[in-house]
Amino acid sequence: MKEHKEVSALLQQAKQERRCCYGTSDAQRRALKRRLHAGELVSPYKNLYADRTLWNTMTREQQSLQVIRALSAIHPQWVFAGLSAACVYGLQHNYSLHDGTVHIASKSGIGGGDEARLNRIYINRIPTRKHNGILLTTPARTLLDCAAFPFPQALPIYD
């Protein structure tokens, strides 16, 4: 496939920042989709892309972190919650909990245009903290959100 220099630069920058790549213009998004259809990239979340070879070497937690970092750059106002926040905080957890879902805190309900892998956790007053440049719920609130997991899977988070 013919090299698209802008896309190559986007992929390189995303690799350095340990996040997924995203296009900021229509031309970049089309070029990324072409590479996706050619099998060079994977798309773990709508409009996010990663090199297929590199992606397949990552653990589920590393993959989740790549998506969270990219979404944080696109949506700096989002407050990541639940398993997403636990992942960023580095709390021990069962990797089987990662199913590609991203959890954010929200004062409103589900939006009509939400990505299927976006889980909004309703919180009237969102307690926040910034960690590694990402806006998260506080550790105490994160633990409350993770209490929804089955006991054997939630236990390592509390340990």
C-alpha atoms as a PDB file:
ATOM      1  CA  MET A   1       0.000   0.000   0.000  1.00  0.00           C
ATOM      2  CA  LYS A   2       1.179   3.498  -0.847  1.00  0.00           C
ATOM      3  CA  GLU A   3       2.544   5.310   2.194  1.00  0.00           C
ATOM      4  CA  HIS A   4       0.522   8.229   3.524  1.00  0.00           C
ATOM      5  CA  LYS A   5       3.131  10.377   5.276  1.00  0.00           C
ATOM      6  CA  GLU A   6       0.630  12.122   7.569  1.00  0.00           C
ATOM      7  CA  VAL A   7      -0.790   8.793   8.737  1.00  0.00           C
ATOM      8  CA  SER A   8       2.680   7.376   9.281  1.00  0.00           C
ATOM      9  CA  ALA A   9       3.508  10.434  11.413  1.00  0.00           C
ATOM     10  CA  LEU A  10       0.235  10.047  13.359  1.00  0.00           C
ATOM     11  CA  LEU A  11       0.983   6.382  14.030  1.00  0.00           C
ATOM     12  CA  GLN A  12       4.539   7.178  15.135  1.00  0.00           C
ATOM     13  CA  GLN A  13       3.361   9.924  17.496  1.00  0.00           C
ATOM     14  CA  ALA A  14       0.665   7.638  18.942  1.00  0.00           C
ATOM     15  CA  LYS A  15       3.262   4.910  19.497  1.00  0.00           C
ATOM     16  CA  GLN A  16       5.530   7.342  21.369  1.00  0.00           C
ATOM     17  CA  GLU A  17       2.607   8.527  23.516  1.00  0.00           C
ATOM     18  CA  ARG A  18       1.455   4.920  24.126  1.00  0.00           C
ATOM     19  CA  ARG A  19      -2.038   5.559  22.817  1.00  0.00           C
ATOM     20  CA  CYS A  20      -4.184   4.724  19.831  1.00  0.00           C
ATOM     21  CA  CYS A  21      -4.020   6.887  16.739  1.00  0.00           C
ATOM     22  CA  TYR A  22      -6.865   9.060  15.446  1.00  0.00           C
ATOM     23  CA  GLY A  23      -7.286  11.321  12.483  1.00  0.00           C
ATOM     24  CA  THR A  24      -8.084  14.992  12.883  1.00  0.00           C
ATOM     25  CA  SER A  25      -9.093  15.623   9.258  1.00  0.00           C
ATOM     26  CA  ASP A  26     -11.315  13.788   6.785  1.00  0.00           C
ATOM     27  CA  ALA A  27      -8.287  12.884   4.656  1.00  0.00           C
ATOM     28  CA  GLN A  28      -6.480  11.359   7.651  1.00  0.00           C
ATOM     29  CA  ARG A  29      -9.578   9.419   8.746  1.00  0.00           C
ATOM     30  CA  ARG A  30     -10.071   8.030   5.219  1.00  0.00           C
ATOM     31  CA  ALA A  31      -6.401   7.029   5.002  1.00  0.00           C
ATOM     32  CA  LEU A  32      -6.616   5.292   8.408  1.00  0.00           C
ATOM     33  CA  LYS A  33      -9.741   3.410   7.290  1.00  0.00           C
ATOM     34  CA  ARG A  34      -7.959   2.291   4.105  1.00  0.00           C
ATOM     35  CA  ARG A  35      -5.129   0.854   6.226  1.00  0.00           C
ATOM     36  CA  LEU A  36      -7.706  -0.795   8.481  1.00  0.00           C
ATOM     37  CA  HIS A  37      -9.380  -2.469   5.487  1.00  0.00           C
ATOM     38  CA  ALA A  38      -5.960  -3.509   4.157  1.00  0.00           C
ATOM     39  CA  GLY A  39      -5.335  -5.314   7.466  1.00  0.00           C
ATOM     40  CA  GLU A  40      -2.433  -3.138   8.641  1.00  0.00           C
ATOM     41  CA  LEU A  41      -4.396  -1.569  11.504  1.00  0.00           C
ATOM     42  CA  VAL A  42      -6.996  -2.585  14.065  1.00  0.00           C
ATOM     43  CA  SER A  43      -9.788  -0.362  15.348  1.00  0.00           C
ATOM     44  CA  PRO A  44     -10.535  -1.163  18.998  1.00  0.00           C
ATOM     45  CA  TYR A  45     -12.921   1.785  19.321  1.00  0.00           C
ATOM     46  CA  LYS A  46     -14.734   4.027  16.864  1.00  0.00           C
ATOM     47  CA  ASN A  47     -12.228   6.249  14.981  1.00  0.00           C
ATOM     48  CA  LEU A  48      -9.256   4.898  16.977  1.00  0.00           C
ATOM     49  CA  TYR A  49      -6.557   2.825  15.309  1.00  0.00           C
ATOM     50  CA  ALA A  50      -3.433   0.890  16.221  1.00  0.00           C
ATOM     51  CA  ASP A  51      -0.800  -1.058  14.342  1.00  0.00           C
ATOM     52  CA  ARG A  52      -2.066  -4.656  14.186  1.00  0.00           C
ATOM     53  CA  THR A  53       1.303  -6.271  14.957  1.00  0.00           C
ATOM     54  CA  LEU A  54       1.976  -4.053  17.967  1.00  0.00           C
ATOM     55  CA  TRP A  55      -1.616  -4.379  19.229  1.00  0.00           C
ATOM     56  CA  ASN A  56      -1.453  -8.166  19.189  1.00  0.00           C
ATOM     57  CA  THR A  57       1.634  -8.127  21.459  1.00  0.00           C
ATOM     58  CA  MET A  58      -0.155  -6.135  24.193  1.00  0.00           C
ATOM     59  CA  THR A  59      -2.053  -7.437  27.203  1.00  0.00           C
ATOM     60  CA  ARG A  60      -5.737  -6.539  27.521  1.00  0.00           C
ATOM     61  CA  GLU A  61      -4.838  -3.950  30.166  1.00  0.00           C
ATOM     62  CA  GLN A  62      -2.248  -2.314  27.898  1.00  0.00           C
ATOM     63  CA  GLN A  63      -4.808  -2.245  25.084  1.00  0.00           C
ATOM     64  CA  SER A  64      -7.361  -0.587  27.375  1.00  0.00           C
ATOM     65  CA  LEU A  65      -4.811   2.011  28.449  1.00  0.00           C
ATOM     66  CA  GLN A  66      -4.021   2.803  24.804  1.00  0.00           C
ATOM     67  CA  VAL A  67      -7.717   3.465  24.128  1.00  0.00           C
ATOM     68  CA  ILE A  68      -8.186   5.488  27.342  1.00  0.00           C
ATOM     69  CA  ARG A  69      -5.164   7.708  26.602  1.00  0.00           C
ATOM     70  CA  ALA A  70      -6.430   8.430  23.083  1.00  0.00           C
ATOM     71  CA  LEU A  71      -9.978   9.172  24.265  1.00  0.00           C
ATOM     72  CA  SER A  72      -8.582  11.426  26.983  1.00  0.00           C
ATOM     73  CA  ALA A  73      -6.711  13.417  24.329  1.00  0.00           C
ATOM     74  CA  ILE A  74      -9.843  13.683  22.144  1.00  0.00           C
ATOM     75  CA  HIS A  75     -12.237  14.353  25.055  1.00  0.00           C
ATOM     76  CA  PRO A  76     -10.214  16.045  27.836  1.00  0.00           C
ATOM     77  CA  GLN A  77     -13.439  16.788  29.742  1.00  0.00           C
ATOM     78  CA  TRP A  78     -14.327  13.083  30.110  1.00  0.00           C
ATOM     79  CA  VAL A  79     -13.903  11.662  33.603  1.00  0.00           C
ATOM     80  CA  PHE A  80     -12.893   8.008  33.399  1.00  0.00           C
ATOM     81  CA  ALA A  81     -14.497   5.795  36.035  1.00  0.00           C
ATOM     82  CA  GLY A  82     -14.852   2.179  37.143  1.00  0.00           C
ATOM     83  CA  LEU A  83     -12.475  -0.310  35.537  1.00  0.00           C
ATOM     84  CA  SER A  84     -11.043   2.387  33.244  1.00  0.00           C
ATOM     85  CA  ALA A  85     -10.011   4.494  36.251  1.00  0.00           C
ATOM     86  CA  ALA A  86      -8.703   1.424  38.113  1.00  0.00           C
ATOM     87  CA  CYS A  87      -6.576   0.620  35.083  1.00  0.00           C
ATOM     88  CA  VAL A  88      -5.068   4.134  34.933  1.00  0.00           C
ATOM     89  CA  TYR A  89      -4.432   4.133  38.703  1.00  0.00           C
ATOM     90  CA  GLY A  90      -2.604   0.821  38.269  1.00  0.00           C
ATOM     91  CA  LEU A  91      -4.851  -1.102  40.661  1.00  0.00           C
ATOM     92  CA  GLN A  92      -4.493  -4.877  40.489  1.00  0.00           C
ATOM     93  CA  HIS A  93      -7.412  -6.501  38.709  1.00  0.00           C
ATOM     94  CA  ASN A  94      -8.417  -9.527  36.712  1.00  0.00           C
ATOM     95  CA  TYR A  95      -7.578  -8.982  33.025  1.00  0.00           C
ATOM     96  CA  SER A  96     -10.681 -10.953  32.044  1.00  0.00           C
ATOM     97  CA  LEU A  97     -12.722  -7.878  33.059  1.00  0.00           C
ATOM     98  CA  HIS A  98     -11.431  -6.077  29.951  1.00  0.00           C
ATOM     99  CA  ASP A  99     -13.952  -6.499  27.174  1.00  0.00           C
ATOM    100  CA  GLY A 100     -13.225  -3.337  25.198  1.00  0.00           C
ATOM    101  CA  THR A 101     -15.660  -1.215  27.204  1.00  0.00           C
ATOM    102  CA  VAL A 102     -14.607   2.251  28.337  1.00  0.00           C
ATOM    103  CA  HIS A 103     -16.227   3.561  31.516  1.00  0.00           C
ATOM    104  CA  ILE A 104     -16.801   7.267  32.095  1.00  0.00           C
ATOM    105  CA  ALA A 105     -18.651   9.212  34.780  1.00  0.00           C
ATOM    106  CA  SER A 106     -21.592  11.200  33.518  1.00  0.00           C
ATOM    107  CA  LYS A 107     -24.164  13.559  34.995  1.00  0.00           C
ATOM    108  CA  SER A 108     -26.549  12.644  32.190  1.00  0.00           C
ATOM    109  CA  GLY A 109     -27.838   9.424  30.703  1.00  0.00           C
ATOM    110  CA  ILE A 110     -26.747   7.558  27.634  1.00  0.00           C
ATOM    111  CA  GLY A 111     -26.264   9.771  24.623  1.00  0.00           C
ATOM    112  CA  GLY A 112     -27.975   8.829  21.363  1.00  0.00           C
ATOM    113  CA  GLY A 113     -24.718   8.811  19.431  1.00  0.00           C
ATOM    114  CA  ASP A 114     -22.640   6.930  21.995  1.00  0.00           C
ATOM    115  CA  GLU A 115     -20.240   4.261  20.844  1.00  0.00           C
ATOM    116  CA  ALA A 116     -21.486   0.783  21.794  1.00  0.00           C
ATOM    117  CA  ARG A 117     -18.348   0.214  23.923  1.00  0.00           C
ATOM    118  CA  LEU A 118     -18.907   3.349  26.011  1.00  0.00           C
ATOM    119  CA  ASN A 119     -20.448   2.803  29.452  1.00  0.00           C
ATOM    120  CA  ARG A 120     -21.663   5.954  31.176  1.00  0.00           C
ATOM    121  CA  ILE A 121     -21.850   5.618  34.960  1.00  0.00           C
ATOM    122  CA  TYR A 122     -24.364   8.107  36.305  1.00  0.00           C
ATOM    123  CA  ILE A 123     -22.899  10.215  39.114  1.00  0.00           C
ATOM    124  CA  ASN A 124     -24.659  13.405  40.204  1.00  0.00           C
ATOM    125  CA  ARG A 125     -21.562  15.019  41.729  1.00  0.00           C
ATOM    126  CA  ILE A 126     -18.447  13.624  40.123  1.00  0.00           C
ATOM    127  CA  PRO A 127     -15.411  13.592  42.448  1.00  0.00           C
ATOM    128  CA  THR A 128     -12.363  13.994  40.198  1.00  0.00           C
ATOM    129  CA  ARG A 129      -8.613  13.709  40.300  1.00  0.00           C
ATOM    130  CA  LYS A 130      -6.022  13.991  37.553  1.00  0.00           C
ATOM    131  CA  HIS A 131      -3.564  11.117  37.278  1.00  0.00           C
ATOM    132  CA  ASN A 132      -0.910  10.890  34.551  1.00  0.00           C
ATOM    133  CA  GLY A 133      -2.713  13.708  32.744  1.00  0.00           C
ATOM    134  CA  ILE A 134      -6.045  11.832  32.636  1.00  0.00           C
ATOM    135  CA  LEU A 135      -9.157  13.004  34.479  1.00  0.00           C
ATOM    136  CA  LEU A 136     -10.474  10.194  36.722  1.00  0.00           C
ATOM    137  CA  THR A 137     -12.936   9.631  39.505  1.00  0.00           C
ATOM    138  CA  THR A 138     -11.254   9.638  42.929  1.00  0.00           C
ATOM    139  CA  PRO A 139      -9.820   6.321  44.140  1.00  0.00           C
ATOM    140  CA  ALA A 140     -12.677   5.941  46.654  1.00  0.00           C
ATOM    141  CA  ARG A 141     -15.313   6.461  43.945  1.00  0.00           C
ATOM    142  CA  THR A 142     -13.433   4.113  41.623  1.00  0.00           C
ATOM    143  CA  LEU A 143     -13.630   1.380  44.268  1.00  0.00           C
ATOM    144  CA  LEU A 144     -17.372   1.973  44.643  1.00  0.00           C
ATOM    145  CA  ASP A 145     -17.877   1.615  40.898  1.00  0.00           C
ATOM    146  CA  CYS A 146     -15.796  -1.581  40.806  1.00  0.00           C
ATOM    147  CA  ALA A 147     -17.961  -3.120  43.551  1.00  0.00           C
ATOM    148  CA  ALA A 148     -20.432  -3.988  40.781  1.00  0.00           C
ATOM    149  CA  PHE A 149     -18.099  -6.727  39.532  1.00  0.00           C
ATOM    150  CA  PRO A 150     -18.570 -10.277  40.816  1.00  0.00           C
ATOM    151  CA  PHE A 151     -16.791 -10.741  44.169  1.00  0.00           C
ATOM    152  CA  PRO A 152     -13.930 -12.994  42.923  1.00  0.00           C
ATOM    153  CA  GLN A 153     -13.113 -10.475  40.160  1.00  0.00           C
ATOM    154  CA  ALA A 154     -13.469  -7.386  42.385  1.00  0.00           C
ATOM    155  CA  LEU A 155     -11.377  -8.742  45.259  1.00  0.00           C
ATOM    156  CA  PRO A 156      -7.928  -8.021  43.734  1.00  0.00           C
ATOM    157  CA  ILE A 157      -8.923  -4.379  43.202  1.00  0.00           C
ATOM    158  CA  TYR A 158      -9.646  -4.022  46.924  1.00  0.00           C
ATOM    159  CA  ASP A 159      -6.528  -5.899  48.005  1.00  0.00           C
END
